[in-house]
Amino acid sequence: MRITKYAHSCVRLEHDGGTLIIDPGVWSEPEALSGADAVLVTHEHDDHIDLLRLKGLGVPVYAPKSARIPSLDFTGVVAGEEFTAAGFRVAAQGGQHARIYGALPDCANLGYLVEDHLYHPGDSLHRPDRPVETLLVPLQGSWMKTDEAIDFVRAVDPERAYGIHDGQVNERGLGSLNGWLADQCGGRYHWLAPGSSA
């Protein structure tokens, strides 16, 4: 499976002629969606879903069943559900966005386990219910701190981890985050710059 990271939380997966995009938000490059066969959206926030681009794309979009996404036809998914998108086997995990303050935000968030190999958690640190080879780990958000990212990688114990959710971090901050994760995660953590693949 070829993984290409785009800005912030967007990744492109290619395998056996199928192209699956996860979380193409308003900060993602338009080319991330080029040739897409299907799209997975973890939750309704703009940094994870560019509504205008998806409305004109004409491919299946999967998102949490309770997501408030106006004027977009999408297939609603619930935690525990397994389905096929763009030829990829997908298992929906988790259920709720991480808490920022009080009970907010109160919206659904699904992590997606793809082909039992790769896990994208969206805005949550929900652990998948089975081992994964590749973990996409959020690096920064108003809902998290660095030690939580490190603990997430250690708890999931993947073969490799790549950073996502970094669109609000400048170069100095990104260098610090990447340094901490590389140092504390036993050589499993690697940085993919937007547009690069693994």
N, C-alpha and C. Protein backbone atom coordinates (compact mmCIF):
# COMPACT_ATOMS: atom_id res chain seq x y z
N MET A 1 0.85 -1.18 0.00
CA MET A 1 0.00 0.00 0.00
C MET A 1 0.89 1.24 0.00
N ARG A 2 0.64 2.14 -0.92
CA ARG A 2 1.39 3.39 -1.00
C ARG A 2 0.62 4.47 -0.23
N ILE A 3 1.33 5.16 0.67
CA ILE A 3 0.75 6.22 1.48
C ILE A 3 1.39 7.53 1.07
N THR A 4 0.57 8.52 0.73
CA THR A 4 1.07 9.86 0.45
C THR A 4 0.42 10.82 1.42
N LYS A 5 1.24 11.57 2.15
CA LYS A 5 0.72 12.54 3.09
C LYS A 5 0.51 13.87 2.39
N TYR A 6 -0.61 14.52 2.71
CA TYR A 6 -0.86 15.87 2.26
C TYR A 6 -1.01 16.75 3.49
N ALA A 7 -1.25 18.04 3.28
CA ALA A 7 -1.27 18.98 4.39
C ALA A 7 -2.28 18.57 5.46
N HIS A 8 -1.87 18.83 6.68
CA HIS A 8 -2.64 18.62 7.88
C HIS A 8 -2.96 17.14 8.10
N SER A 9 -4.20 16.73 7.95
CA SER A 9 -4.61 15.38 8.32
C SER A 9 -4.96 14.50 7.12
N CYS A 10 -4.70 14.99 5.93
CA CYS A 10 -5.09 14.28 4.70
C CYS A 10 -4.03 13.28 4.26
N VAL A 11 -4.47 12.06 3.97
CA VAL A 11 -3.59 11.05 3.39
C VAL A 11 -4.28 10.39 2.20
N ARG A 12 -3.46 9.95 1.28
CA ARG A 12 -3.92 9.26 0.07
C ARG A 12 -3.34 7.85 0.10
N LEU A 13 -4.21 6.86 -0.06
CA LEU A 13 -3.79 5.46 -0.07
C LEU A 13 -4.04 4.88 -1.46
N GLU A 14 -3.04 4.19 -2.00
CA GLU A 14 -3.17 3.56 -3.31
C GLU A 14 -2.73 2.11 -3.21
N HIS A 15 -3.58 1.23 -3.78
CA HIS A 15 -3.28 -0.20 -3.73
C HIS A 15 -4.13 -0.92 -4.76
N ASP A 16 -3.49 -1.77 -5.56
CA ASP A 16 -4.19 -2.59 -6.56
C ASP A 16 -5.15 -1.77 -7.43
N GLY A 17 -4.72 -0.59 -7.83
CA GLY A 17 -5.52 0.24 -8.73
C GLY A 17 -6.57 1.09 -8.06
N GLY A 18 -6.74 0.96 -6.75
CA GLY A 18 -7.72 1.77 -6.02
C GLY A 18 -7.07 2.93 -5.31
N THR A 19 -7.79 4.06 -5.24
CA THR A 19 -7.28 5.25 -4.56
C THR A 19 -8.29 5.72 -3.53
N LEU A 20 -7.88 5.72 -2.28
CA LEU A 20 -8.74 6.10 -1.16
C LEU A 20 -8.11 7.30 -0.45
N ILE A 21 -8.92 8.34 -0.24
CA ILE A 21 -8.45 9.55 0.42
C ILE A 21 -9.11 9.64 1.79
N ILE A 22 -8.32 10.01 2.81
CA ILE A 22 -8.86 10.19 4.16
C ILE A 22 -8.66 11.65 4.57
N ASP A 23 -9.72 12.27 5.00
CA ASP A 23 -9.73 13.63 5.57
C ASP A 23 -9.14 14.72 4.67
N PRO A 24 -9.69 14.90 3.47
CA PRO A 24 -9.25 16.03 2.65
C PRO A 24 -9.93 17.31 3.13
N GLY A 25 -9.26 18.06 3.98
CA GLY A 25 -9.84 19.26 4.56
C GLY A 25 -9.52 20.51 3.76
N VAL A 26 -9.95 21.65 4.27
CA VAL A 26 -9.78 22.92 3.56
C VAL A 26 -8.31 23.32 3.44
N TRP A 27 -7.43 22.77 4.27
CA TRP A 27 -6.01 23.08 4.17
C TRP A 27 -5.26 22.11 3.26
N SER A 28 -5.93 21.06 2.80
CA SER A 28 -5.27 20.06 1.96
C SER A 28 -5.10 20.57 0.54
N GLU A 29 -4.09 20.06 -0.13
CA GLU A 29 -3.85 20.42 -1.52
C GLU A 29 -4.93 19.81 -2.40
N PRO A 30 -5.44 20.54 -3.40
CA PRO A 30 -6.47 20.00 -4.30
C PRO A 30 -6.05 18.71 -4.99
N GLU A 31 -4.75 18.58 -5.31
CA GLU A 31 -4.29 17.38 -6.02
C GLU A 31 -4.41 16.11 -5.19
N ALA A 32 -4.63 16.23 -3.90
CA ALA A 32 -4.82 15.04 -3.08
C ALA A 32 -6.02 14.23 -3.56
N LEU A 33 -7.02 14.91 -4.12
CA LEU A 33 -8.24 14.24 -4.57
C LEU A 33 -8.20 13.78 -6.02
N SER A 34 -7.15 14.08 -6.73
CA SER A 34 -7.06 13.72 -8.14
C SER A 34 -7.12 12.20 -8.31
N GLY A 35 -8.07 11.72 -9.08
CA GLY A 35 -8.20 10.29 -9.33
C GLY A 35 -8.76 9.50 -8.17
N ALA A 36 -9.34 10.16 -7.18
CA ALA A 36 -9.90 9.45 -6.01
C ALA A 36 -11.04 8.54 -6.42
N ASP A 37 -11.10 7.36 -5.81
CA ASP A 37 -12.21 6.44 -6.02
C ASP A 37 -13.21 6.50 -4.88
N ALA A 38 -12.77 6.92 -3.71
CA ALA A 38 -13.66 7.07 -2.54
C ALA A 38 -12.94 7.92 -1.51
N VAL A 39 -13.74 8.49 -0.58
CA VAL A 39 -13.20 9.37 0.46
C VAL A 39 -13.76 8.94 1.81
N LEU A 40 -12.89 8.90 2.81
CA LEU A 40 -13.30 8.68 4.20
C LEU A 40 -13.13 9.99 4.95
N VAL A 41 -14.14 10.37 5.72
CA VAL A 41 -14.09 11.58 6.54
C VAL A 41 -14.24 11.15 7.99
N THR A 42 -13.30 11.54 8.84
CA THR A 42 -13.36 11.12 10.24
C THR A 42 -14.41 11.90 11.02
N HIS A 43 -14.58 13.19 10.69
CA HIS A 43 -15.59 14.00 11.38
C HIS A 43 -15.85 15.29 10.60
N GLU A 44 -16.77 16.09 11.07
CA GLU A 44 -17.35 17.19 10.31
C GLU A 44 -16.57 18.50 10.31
N HIS A 45 -15.46 18.62 11.01
CA HIS A 45 -14.75 19.89 11.07
C HIS A 45 -14.02 20.20 9.76
N ASP A 46 -13.98 21.50 9.41
CA ASP A 46 -13.44 21.92 8.11
C ASP A 46 -12.00 21.49 7.85
N ASP A 47 -11.20 21.36 8.89
CA ASP A 47 -9.82 20.95 8.65
C ASP A 47 -9.73 19.48 8.24
N HIS A 48 -10.87 18.78 8.24
CA HIS A 48 -10.91 17.38 7.83
C HIS A 48 -11.83 17.13 6.65
N ILE A 49 -12.65 18.11 6.29
CA ILE A 49 -13.56 17.95 5.16
C ILE A 49 -13.74 19.28 4.44
N ASP A 50 -13.36 19.29 3.17
CA ASP A 50 -13.59 20.45 2.32
C ASP A 50 -14.89 20.19 1.56
N LEU A 51 -15.96 20.71 2.08
CA LEU A 51 -17.29 20.42 1.57
C LEU A 51 -17.43 20.79 0.10
N LEU A 52 -16.94 21.95 -0.31
CA LEU A 52 -17.11 22.38 -1.70
C LEU A 52 -16.42 21.43 -2.67
N ARG A 53 -15.22 21.02 -2.35
CA ARG A 53 -14.51 20.09 -3.24
C ARG A 53 -15.21 18.73 -3.30
N LEU A 54 -15.67 18.25 -2.15
CA LEU A 54 -16.29 16.92 -2.13
C LEU A 54 -17.63 16.92 -2.85
N LYS A 55 -18.38 18.02 -2.78
CA LYS A 55 -19.69 18.07 -3.45
C LYS A 55 -19.55 17.89 -4.95
N GLY A 56 -18.45 18.34 -5.54
CA GLY A 56 -18.27 18.22 -6.98
C GLY A 56 -17.44 17.04 -7.41
N LEU A 57 -17.01 16.20 -6.49
CA LEU A 57 -16.07 15.14 -6.81
C LEU A 57 -16.73 13.94 -7.50
N GLY A 58 -17.95 13.61 -7.07
CA GLY A 58 -18.67 12.51 -7.72
C GLY A 58 -18.20 11.12 -7.37
N VAL A 59 -17.63 10.95 -6.18
CA VAL A 59 -17.22 9.61 -5.73
C VAL A 59 -17.87 9.36 -4.37
N PRO A 60 -17.96 8.09 -3.94
CA PRO A 60 -18.56 7.80 -2.63
C PRO A 60 -17.77 8.45 -1.50
N VAL A 61 -18.51 9.02 -0.56
CA VAL A 61 -17.93 9.62 0.64
C VAL A 61 -18.53 8.91 1.84
N TYR A 62 -17.68 8.50 2.78
CA TYR A 62 -18.11 7.82 4.01
C TYR A 62 -17.75 8.72 5.18
N ALA A 63 -18.70 8.90 6.10
CA ALA A 63 -18.49 9.76 7.27
C ALA A 63 -19.35 9.24 8.41
N PRO A 64 -19.09 9.70 9.63
CA PRO A 64 -19.94 9.27 10.75
C PRO A 64 -21.42 9.53 10.46
N LYS A 65 -22.25 8.58 10.78
CA LYS A 65 -23.68 8.66 10.47
C LYS A 65 -24.33 9.92 11.04
N SER A 66 -23.89 10.37 12.22
CA SER A 66 -24.50 11.53 12.86
C SER A 66 -23.81 12.85 12.48
N ALA A 67 -22.84 12.81 11.57
CA ALA A 67 -22.13 14.04 11.20
C ALA A 67 -23.08 15.05 10.56
N ARG A 68 -22.87 16.30 10.91
CA ARG A 68 -23.66 17.40 10.34
C ARG A 68 -22.88 17.96 9.16
N ILE A 69 -23.17 17.41 7.98
CA ILE A 69 -22.49 17.83 6.75
C ILE A 69 -23.57 18.24 5.76
N PRO A 70 -23.94 19.52 5.74
CA PRO A 70 -25.05 19.96 4.91
C PRO A 70 -24.80 19.79 3.41
N SER A 71 -25.82 19.40 2.72
CA SER A 71 -25.87 19.30 1.25
C SER A 71 -24.81 18.39 0.63
N LEU A 72 -24.34 17.41 1.39
CA LEU A 72 -23.42 16.42 0.83
C LEU A 72 -24.04 15.04 1.01
N ASP A 73 -24.16 14.31 -0.09
CA ASP A 73 -24.61 12.93 0.00
C ASP A 73 -23.44 12.08 0.47
N PHE A 74 -23.61 11.39 1.59
CA PHE A 74 -22.55 10.52 2.08
C PHE A 74 -23.17 9.29 2.70
N THR A 75 -22.36 8.26 2.78
CA THR A 75 -22.78 7.02 3.42
C THR A 75 -22.43 7.13 4.90
N GLY A 76 -23.44 7.03 5.75
CA GLY A 76 -23.22 7.13 7.19
C GLY A 76 -22.66 5.84 7.76
N VAL A 77 -21.66 5.96 8.60
CA VAL A 77 -20.95 4.82 9.18
C VAL A 77 -21.00 4.95 10.70
N VAL A 78 -21.04 3.82 11.40
CA VAL A 78 -21.00 3.82 12.86
C VAL A 78 -19.81 2.99 13.34
N ALA A 79 -19.39 3.24 14.56
CA ALA A 79 -18.27 2.50 15.14
C ALA A 79 -18.58 1.01 15.15
N GLY A 80 -17.60 0.21 14.79
CA GLY A 80 -17.77 -1.24 14.73
C GLY A 80 -18.15 -1.75 13.35
N GLU A 81 -18.56 -0.84 12.48
CA GLU A 81 -18.98 -1.25 11.13
C GLU A 81 -17.76 -1.51 10.26
N GLU A 82 -17.89 -2.53 9.41
CA GLU A 82 -16.85 -2.82 8.43
C GLU A 82 -17.46 -2.74 7.04
N PHE A 83 -16.71 -2.17 6.10
CA PHE A 83 -17.21 -1.94 4.75
C PHE A 83 -16.04 -1.89 3.78
N THR A 84 -16.36 -1.80 2.50
CA THR A 84 -15.32 -1.69 1.47
C THR A 84 -15.47 -0.35 0.77
N ALA A 85 -14.36 0.36 0.62
CA ALA A 85 -14.34 1.64 -0.08
C ALA A 85 -13.15 1.66 -1.03
N ALA A 86 -13.40 1.90 -2.30
CA ALA A 86 -12.35 1.93 -3.33
C ALA A 86 -11.55 0.63 -3.36
N GLY A 87 -12.18 -0.48 -2.99
CA GLY A 87 -11.52 -1.76 -2.97
C GLY A 87 -10.74 -2.05 -1.70
N PHE A 88 -10.73 -1.11 -0.76
CA PHE A 88 -10.03 -1.29 0.52
C PHE A 88 -11.03 -1.76 1.58
N ARG A 89 -10.62 -2.72 2.41
CA ARG A 89 -11.43 -3.11 3.56
C ARG A 89 -11.21 -2.09 4.67
N VAL A 90 -12.30 -1.58 5.24
CA VAL A 90 -12.22 -0.53 6.25
C VAL A 90 -13.05 -0.94 7.46
N ALA A 91 -12.49 -0.73 8.64
CA ALA A 91 -13.22 -0.94 9.90
C ALA A 91 -13.27 0.39 10.65
N ALA A 92 -14.49 0.83 10.99
CA ALA A 92 -14.67 2.09 11.73
C ALA A 92 -14.47 1.85 13.22
N GLN A 93 -13.71 2.73 13.86
CA GLN A 93 -13.33 2.58 15.26
C GLN A 93 -13.67 3.86 16.04
N GLY A 94 -13.76 3.74 17.35
CA GLY A 94 -13.93 4.91 18.20
C GLY A 94 -15.36 5.39 18.26
N GLY A 95 -15.57 6.68 18.06
CA GLY A 95 -16.91 7.21 18.08
C GLY A 95 -17.04 8.68 18.38
N GLN A 96 -16.17 9.24 19.25
CA GLN A 96 -16.32 10.63 19.66
C GLN A 96 -15.03 11.43 19.44
N HIS A 97 -15.20 12.68 19.09
CA HIS A 97 -14.09 13.63 19.00
C HIS A 97 -13.48 13.80 20.39
N ALA A 98 -12.19 13.99 20.45
CA ALA A 98 -11.53 14.24 21.73
C ALA A 98 -12.07 15.54 22.35
N ARG A 99 -12.14 15.55 23.65
CA ARG A 99 -12.65 16.72 24.38
C ARG A 99 -11.63 17.85 24.35
N ILE A 100 -12.12 19.07 24.08
CA ILE A 100 -11.27 20.25 24.16
C ILE A 100 -11.48 20.95 25.50
N TYR A 101 -12.73 21.26 25.80
CA TYR A 101 -13.04 21.91 27.07
C TYR A 101 -14.47 21.59 27.45
N GLY A 102 -14.68 21.24 28.70
CA GLY A 102 -16.03 20.85 29.12
C GLY A 102 -16.47 19.64 28.33
N ALA A 103 -17.63 19.71 27.75
CA ALA A 103 -18.13 18.61 26.92
C ALA A 103 -17.97 18.91 25.44
N LEU A 104 -17.17 19.93 25.11
CA LEU A 104 -17.05 20.37 23.72
C LEU A 104 -15.75 19.91 23.09
N PRO A 105 -15.72 19.65 21.76
CA PRO A 105 -16.89 19.65 20.90
C PRO A 105 -17.65 18.34 21.04
N ASP A 106 -18.91 18.40 20.82
CA ASP A 106 -19.74 17.21 20.94
C ASP A 106 -20.10 16.72 19.54
N CYS A 107 -19.15 16.06 18.90
CA CYS A 107 -19.45 15.53 17.56
C CYS A 107 -18.82 14.15 17.42
N ALA A 108 -19.38 13.39 16.51
CA ALA A 108 -18.85 12.06 16.24
C ALA A 108 -17.49 12.15 15.57
N ASN A 109 -16.63 11.20 15.84
CA ASN A 109 -15.33 11.07 15.19
C ASN A 109 -15.04 9.57 15.06
N LEU A 110 -14.76 9.15 13.87
CA LEU A 110 -14.40 7.75 13.65
C LEU A 110 -12.96 7.64 13.22
N GLY A 111 -12.25 6.68 13.79
CA GLY A 111 -10.96 6.30 13.27
C GLY A 111 -11.20 5.22 12.23
N TYR A 112 -10.33 5.15 11.23
CA TYR A 112 -10.50 4.15 10.18
C TYR A 112 -9.28 3.24 10.13
N LEU A 113 -9.54 1.94 10.29
CA LEU A 113 -8.52 0.91 10.15
C LEU A 113 -8.65 0.34 8.75
N VAL A 114 -7.62 0.53 7.94
CA VAL A 114 -7.67 0.16 6.52
C VAL A 114 -6.85 -1.09 6.28
N GLU A 115 -7.51 -2.11 5.74
CA GLU A 115 -6.85 -3.38 5.39
C GLU A 115 -6.15 -4.02 6.59
N ASP A 116 -6.62 -3.74 7.79
CA ASP A 116 -5.98 -4.25 9.01
C ASP A 116 -4.51 -3.88 9.11
N HIS A 117 -4.09 -2.83 8.38
CA HIS A 117 -2.68 -2.44 8.37
C HIS A 117 -2.47 -1.01 8.85
N LEU A 118 -3.32 -0.09 8.39
CA LEU A 118 -3.11 1.33 8.65
C LEU A 118 -4.29 1.91 9.42
N TYR A 119 -3.98 2.75 10.42
CA TYR A 119 -5.03 3.35 11.25
C TYR A 119 -4.91 4.87 11.26
N HIS A 120 -6.00 5.55 10.89
CA HIS A 120 -6.11 7.01 10.94
C HIS A 120 -7.16 7.33 12.00
N PRO A 121 -6.77 7.98 13.11
CA PRO A 121 -7.72 8.19 14.20
C PRO A 121 -8.57 9.46 14.12
N GLY A 122 -8.31 10.34 13.12
CA GLY A 122 -9.02 11.62 13.11
C GLY A 122 -8.63 12.43 14.33
N ASP A 123 -9.60 13.12 14.93
CA ASP A 123 -9.33 13.94 16.12
C ASP A 123 -9.66 13.15 17.38
N SER A 124 -8.90 12.12 17.59
CA SER A 124 -9.10 11.25 18.73
C SER A 124 -7.84 10.44 18.92
N LEU A 125 -7.63 9.96 20.11
CA LEU A 125 -6.53 9.03 20.37
C LEU A 125 -7.09 7.67 20.76
N HIS A 126 -8.25 7.36 20.16
CA HIS A 126 -8.87 6.05 20.40
C HIS A 126 -7.95 4.96 19.84
N ARG A 127 -7.68 3.96 20.66
CA ARG A 127 -6.81 2.86 20.22
C ARG A 127 -7.61 1.86 19.39
N PRO A 128 -7.04 1.42 18.28
CA PRO A 128 -7.74 0.41 17.47
C PRO A 128 -7.89 -0.89 18.25
N ASP A 129 -8.87 -1.68 17.85
CA ASP A 129 -9.17 -2.92 18.60
C ASP A 129 -8.34 -4.11 18.16
N ARG A 130 -7.34 -3.87 17.34
CA ARG A 130 -6.43 -4.94 16.89
C ARG A 130 -5.09 -4.33 16.53
N PRO A 131 -4.04 -5.13 16.42
CA PRO A 131 -2.73 -4.59 16.08
C PRO A 131 -2.71 -3.95 14.70
N VAL A 132 -1.89 -2.91 14.54
CA VAL A 132 -1.73 -2.27 13.23
C VAL A 132 -0.25 -2.15 12.91
N GLU A 133 0.04 -2.16 11.61
CA GLU A 133 1.42 -1.99 11.18
C GLU A 133 1.80 -0.51 11.10
N THR A 134 0.86 0.31 10.60
CA THR A 134 1.14 1.73 10.38
C THR A 134 0.12 2.58 11.11
N LEU A 135 0.61 3.45 11.98
CA LEU A 135 -0.24 4.35 12.75
C LEU A 135 -0.01 5.77 12.26
N LEU A 136 -1.10 6.47 12.00
CA LEU A 136 -1.03 7.90 11.72
C LEU A 136 -1.33 8.60 13.04
N VAL A 137 -0.38 9.35 13.54
CA VAL A 137 -0.49 9.92 14.88
C VAL A 137 -0.66 11.44 14.80
N PRO A 138 -1.73 11.97 15.39
CA PRO A 138 -1.88 13.43 15.44
C PRO A 138 -0.74 14.04 16.23
N LEU A 139 -0.19 15.16 15.72
CA LEU A 139 0.93 15.81 16.38
C LEU A 139 0.51 17.00 17.23
N GLN A 140 -0.56 17.69 16.81
CA GLN A 140 -0.95 18.90 17.53
C GLN A 140 -2.44 19.14 17.33
N GLY A 141 -3.06 19.66 18.35
CA GLY A 141 -4.46 20.06 18.27
C GLY A 141 -4.83 20.73 19.57
N SER A 142 -5.89 21.51 19.56
CA SER A 142 -6.34 22.16 20.79
C SER A 142 -6.81 21.13 21.81
N TRP A 143 -6.93 19.89 21.39
CA TRP A 143 -7.44 18.81 22.24
C TRP A 143 -6.34 17.88 22.75
N MET A 144 -5.06 18.22 22.52
CA MET A 144 -4.02 17.26 22.92
C MET A 144 -2.72 17.94 23.30
N LYS A 145 -1.81 17.15 23.89
CA LYS A 145 -0.46 17.61 24.17
C LYS A 145 0.54 16.54 23.74
N THR A 146 1.79 16.90 23.67
CA THR A 146 2.83 16.03 23.11
C THR A 146 2.93 14.69 23.80
N ASP A 147 2.84 14.66 25.12
CA ASP A 147 2.99 13.38 25.81
C ASP A 147 1.88 12.41 25.43
N GLU A 148 0.69 12.94 25.07
CA GLU A 148 -0.40 12.06 24.64
C GLU A 148 -0.08 11.42 23.29
N ALA A 149 0.55 12.17 22.39
CA ALA A 149 0.95 11.60 21.10
C ALA A 149 1.97 10.48 21.30
N ILE A 150 2.94 10.74 22.15
CA ILE A 150 3.97 9.72 22.44
C ILE A 150 3.33 8.48 23.07
N ASP A 151 2.49 8.69 24.07
CA ASP A 151 1.82 7.56 24.73
C ASP A 151 0.94 6.79 23.76
N PHE A 152 0.31 7.49 22.82
CA PHE A 152 -0.54 6.83 21.81
C PHE A 152 0.28 5.87 20.96
N VAL A 153 1.43 6.33 20.48
CA VAL A 153 2.30 5.46 19.67
C VAL A 153 2.76 4.26 20.51
N ARG A 154 3.18 4.52 21.73
CA ARG A 154 3.65 3.42 22.58
C ARG A 154 2.54 2.41 22.88
N ALA A 155 1.32 2.90 23.12
CA ALA A 155 0.21 2.00 23.45
C ALA A 155 -0.23 1.17 22.26
N VAL A 156 -0.29 1.78 21.09
CA VAL A 156 -0.71 1.05 19.88
C VAL A 156 0.40 0.11 19.43
N ASP A 157 1.66 0.52 19.63
CA ASP A 157 2.83 -0.30 19.32
C ASP A 157 2.86 -0.76 17.85
N PRO A 158 2.77 0.20 16.91
CA PRO A 158 2.81 -0.17 15.49
C PRO A 158 4.25 -0.45 15.05
N GLU A 159 4.39 -1.00 13.86
CA GLU A 159 5.73 -1.15 13.29
C GLU A 159 6.31 0.22 12.92
N ARG A 160 5.41 1.12 12.46
CA ARG A 160 5.84 2.46 12.06
C ARG A 160 4.72 3.44 12.36
N ALA A 161 5.10 4.71 12.58
CA ALA A 161 4.11 5.76 12.81
C ALA A 161 4.53 7.00 12.03
N TYR A 162 3.54 7.68 11.46
CA TYR A 162 3.77 8.91 10.71
C TYR A 162 2.90 10.01 11.29
N GLY A 163 3.44 11.22 11.38
CA GLY A 163 2.70 12.34 11.94
C GLY A 163 1.66 12.91 10.99
N ILE A 164 0.50 13.26 11.56
CA ILE A 164 -0.55 13.99 10.85
C ILE A 164 -1.06 15.08 11.79
N HIS A 165 -2.06 15.82 11.35
CA HIS A 165 -2.71 16.86 12.15
C HIS A 165 -1.69 17.87 12.65
N ASP A 166 -0.99 18.49 11.70
CA ASP A 166 0.12 19.39 12.00
C ASP A 166 -0.01 20.73 11.30
N GLY A 167 -1.19 21.02 10.75
CA GLY A 167 -1.36 22.21 9.92
C GLY A 167 -1.26 23.53 10.66
N GLN A 168 -1.31 23.53 11.98
CA GLN A 168 -1.22 24.77 12.73
C GLN A 168 0.14 24.94 13.42
N VAL A 169 1.11 24.13 13.01
CA VAL A 169 2.42 24.15 13.67
C VAL A 169 3.45 24.79 12.72
N ASN A 170 4.21 25.77 13.23
CA ASN A 170 5.26 26.35 12.40
C ASN A 170 6.48 25.41 12.36
N GLU A 171 7.50 25.78 11.58
CA GLU A 171 8.64 24.88 11.38
C GLU A 171 9.39 24.59 12.68
N ARG A 172 9.54 25.60 13.55
CA ARG A 172 10.25 25.36 14.81
C ARG A 172 9.48 24.37 15.67
N GLY A 173 8.16 24.56 15.76
CA GLY A 173 7.35 23.66 16.56
C GLY A 173 7.33 22.26 15.99
N LEU A 174 7.27 22.17 14.67
CA LEU A 174 7.26 20.86 14.03
C LEU A 174 8.57 20.12 14.28
N GLY A 175 9.67 20.84 14.24
CA GLY A 175 10.97 20.23 14.53
C GLY A 175 11.01 19.66 15.94
N SER A 176 10.44 20.41 16.88
CA SER A 176 10.40 19.95 18.27
C SER A 176 9.52 18.70 18.41
N LEU A 177 8.33 18.74 17.83
CA LEU A 177 7.42 17.59 17.92
C LEU A 177 8.03 16.34 17.30
N ASN A 178 8.58 16.50 16.09
CA ASN A 178 9.20 15.35 15.43
C ASN A 178 10.37 14.81 16.24
N GLY A 179 11.14 15.71 16.86
CA GLY A 179 12.26 15.27 17.69
C GLY A 179 11.81 14.47 18.89
N TRP A 180 10.78 14.96 19.58
CA TRP A 180 10.27 14.24 20.74
C TRP A 180 9.76 12.85 20.36
N LEU A 181 8.96 12.77 19.31
CA LEU A 181 8.40 11.46 18.93
C LEU A 181 9.48 10.51 18.44
N ALA A 182 10.42 11.02 17.65
CA ALA A 182 11.51 10.16 17.17
C ALA A 182 12.33 9.63 18.34
N ASP A 183 12.57 10.48 19.34
CA ASP A 183 13.39 10.10 20.49
C ASP A 183 12.67 9.12 21.42
N GLN A 184 11.36 9.30 21.60
CA GLN A 184 10.63 8.55 22.62
C GLN A 184 9.86 7.33 22.10
N CYS A 185 9.84 7.13 20.80
CA CYS A 185 9.00 6.05 20.25
C CYS A 185 9.81 4.90 19.65
N GLY A 186 11.01 4.72 20.13
CA GLY A 186 11.79 3.54 19.77
C GLY A 186 12.10 3.37 18.31
N GLY A 187 12.32 4.46 17.59
CA GLY A 187 12.68 4.38 16.18
C GLY A 187 11.54 4.09 15.24
N ARG A 188 10.32 4.03 15.75
CA ARG A 188 9.16 3.73 14.88
C ARG A 188 8.59 4.96 14.21
N TYR A 189 8.87 6.14 14.77
CA TYR A 189 8.26 7.36 14.25
C TYR A 189 9.10 7.97 13.14
N HIS A 190 8.40 8.38 12.07
CA HIS A 190 9.05 9.03 10.92
C HIS A 190 8.20 10.19 10.45
N TRP A 191 8.82 11.19 9.91
CA TRP A 191 8.12 12.35 9.40
C TRP A 191 7.98 12.24 7.88
N LEU A 192 6.77 12.46 7.38
CA LEU A 192 6.51 12.56 5.95
C LEU A 192 6.08 13.99 5.67
N ALA A 193 6.86 14.71 4.91
CA ALA A 193 6.47 16.07 4.52
C ALA A 193 5.30 15.99 3.54
N PRO A 194 4.45 17.02 3.51
CA PRO A 194 3.32 17.00 2.56
C PRO A 194 3.80 16.74 1.13
N GLY A 195 3.12 15.80 0.47
CA GLY A 195 3.47 15.41 -0.89
C GLY A 195 4.42 14.24 -0.97
N SER A 196 4.99 13.81 0.15
CA SER A 196 5.91 12.67 0.12
C SER A 196 5.17 11.38 0.45
N SER A 197 5.78 10.26 0.03
CA SER A 197 5.11 8.96 0.14
C SER A 197 5.97 7.94 0.86
N ALA A 198 5.31 6.90 1.33
CA ALA A 198 6.01 5.77 1.94
C ALA A 198 5.36 4.49 1.47
